[in-house]
Amino acid sequence: MPVTKTAKRALRGSKNKTTVNKLLIKKLEIAVRLANKSKKSEEIKLATSLADRAAKKNIIHKNKAARIKSQLSKLEQNKTSKKEPAKAAKKASTKKK
């Protein structure tokens, strides 16, 4: 336990910061999980934004934030690439008629 007045004050501040940081990390984890599940662009943007904020505040490492953003962008790319063959198939079928 802290003995001096300033050490007690530092402990109080540290506890408050810990709760705020844990809340932000939990929000980030939930947002990433939802983005992976739904693959909606709004969810992906939210998770990317939270990753950037956490990295800016040094809650997570900047490379971890980059990794998260990379994985999320791959989800978005996969979603768009899956739609393109379907469109191409429709165009090809209409040309045959």
Protein backbone atom coordinates (compact mmCIF):
# COMPACT_ATOMS: atom_id res chain seq x y z
CA MET A 1 0.00 0.00 0.00
CA PRO A 2 1.17 3.52 -0.69
CA VAL A 3 2.38 5.53 2.26
CA THR A 4 2.86 9.10 1.05
CA LYS A 5 0.09 11.45 0.01
CA THR A 6 1.28 11.64 -3.61
CA ALA A 7 1.57 7.86 -3.87
CA LYS A 8 -2.03 7.50 -2.67
CA ARG A 9 -3.14 10.05 -5.27
CA ALA A 10 -1.19 8.20 -7.97
CA LEU A 11 -2.88 4.93 -6.99
CA ARG A 12 -6.33 6.51 -7.30
CA GLY A 13 -5.46 7.91 -10.74
CA SER A 14 -4.01 4.59 -11.83
CA LYS A 15 -7.19 2.73 -10.84
CA ASN A 16 -9.36 5.20 -12.77
CA LYS A 17 -7.16 4.93 -15.87
CA THR A 18 -7.22 1.13 -15.64
CA THR A 19 -11.02 1.03 -15.67
CA VAL A 20 -11.21 3.39 -18.65
CA ASN A 21 -8.59 1.40 -20.57
CA LYS A 22 -10.31 -1.92 -19.87
CA LEU A 23 -13.60 -0.46 -21.09
CA LEU A 24 -12.02 0.70 -24.34
CA ILE A 25 -10.33 -2.68 -24.90
CA LYS A 26 -13.63 -4.48 -24.28
CA LYS A 27 -15.42 -2.20 -26.76
CA LEU A 28 -12.72 -2.92 -29.34
CA GLU A 29 -12.96 -6.68 -28.85
CA ILE A 30 -16.74 -6.62 -29.19
CA ALA A 31 -16.57 -4.41 -32.30
CA VAL A 32 -14.03 -6.72 -33.96
CA ARG A 33 -16.13 -9.76 -33.12
CA LEU A 34 -19.26 -8.15 -34.60
CA ALA A 35 -17.38 -7.04 -37.72
CA ASN A 36 -16.07 -10.57 -38.27
CA LYS A 37 -19.54 -11.99 -37.83
CA SER A 38 -21.63 -9.55 -39.86
CA LYS A 39 -19.03 -8.30 -42.39
CA LYS A 40 -20.95 -5.02 -42.73
CA SER A 41 -18.96 -1.97 -43.77
CA GLU A 42 -20.37 0.11 -40.87
CA GLU A 43 -19.20 -2.48 -38.34
CA ILE A 44 -15.79 -2.67 -40.00
CA LYS A 45 -15.41 1.14 -39.92
CA LEU A 46 -16.34 1.24 -36.24
CA ALA A 47 -13.86 -1.47 -35.30
CA THR A 48 -11.11 0.22 -37.35
CA SER A 49 -11.81 3.53 -35.64
CA LEU A 50 -11.69 1.96 -32.18
CA ALA A 51 -8.39 0.22 -33.03
CA ASP A 52 -6.90 3.56 -34.11
CA ARG A 53 -8.10 5.26 -30.93
CA ALA A 54 -6.71 2.52 -28.69
CA ALA A 55 -3.34 2.70 -30.46
CA LYS A 56 -3.28 6.50 -30.20
CA LYS A 57 -3.83 6.33 -26.44
CA ASN A 58 -1.17 3.58 -26.11
CA ILE A 59 -3.72 1.09 -24.82
CA ILE A 60 -2.69 -1.39 -27.50
CA HIS A 61 0.50 -1.44 -29.55
CA LYS A 62 0.39 0.32 -32.92
CA ASN A 63 1.35 -2.90 -34.73
CA LYS A 64 -1.53 -4.74 -33.09
CA ALA A 65 -3.87 -2.01 -34.32
CA ALA A 66 -2.39 -2.38 -37.80
CA ARG A 67 -2.94 -6.14 -37.65
CA ILE A 68 -6.57 -5.70 -36.62
CA LYS A 69 -7.17 -3.17 -39.40
CA SER A 70 -5.53 -5.45 -41.95
CA GLN A 71 -7.75 -8.37 -40.98
CA LEU A 72 -10.84 -6.16 -41.17
CA SER A 73 -9.89 -4.81 -44.59
CA LYS A 74 -9.50 -8.38 -45.84
CA LEU A 75 -13.09 -9.04 -44.77
CA GLU A 76 -14.26 -6.09 -46.83
CA GLN A 77 -12.19 -7.18 -49.85
CA ASN A 78 -13.55 -10.72 -49.66
CA LYS A 79 -17.09 -9.39 -49.50
CA THR A 80 -16.63 -7.31 -52.67
CA SER A 81 -14.74 -10.01 -54.57
CA LYS A 82 -17.52 -12.54 -53.93
CA LYS A 83 -20.09 -10.17 -55.47
CA GLU A 84 -18.15 -9.55 -58.69
CA PRO A 85 -18.37 -13.08 -60.15
CA ALA A 86 -22.12 -13.08 -59.64
CA LYS A 87 -22.42 -9.82 -61.59
CA ALA A 88 -20.19 -11.18 -64.34
CA ALA A 89 -22.31 -14.31 -64.56
CA LYS A 90 -25.47 -12.23 -64.92
CA LYS A 91 -23.91 -10.12 -67.68
CA ALA A 92 -22.73 -13.23 -69.50
CA SER A 93 -26.18 -14.81 -69.29
CA THR A 94 -27.87 -11.70 -70.64
CA LYS A 95 -25.47 -11.52 -73.59
CA LYS A 96 -26.24 -15.09 -74.61
CA LYS A 97 -29.91 -14.31 -75.10
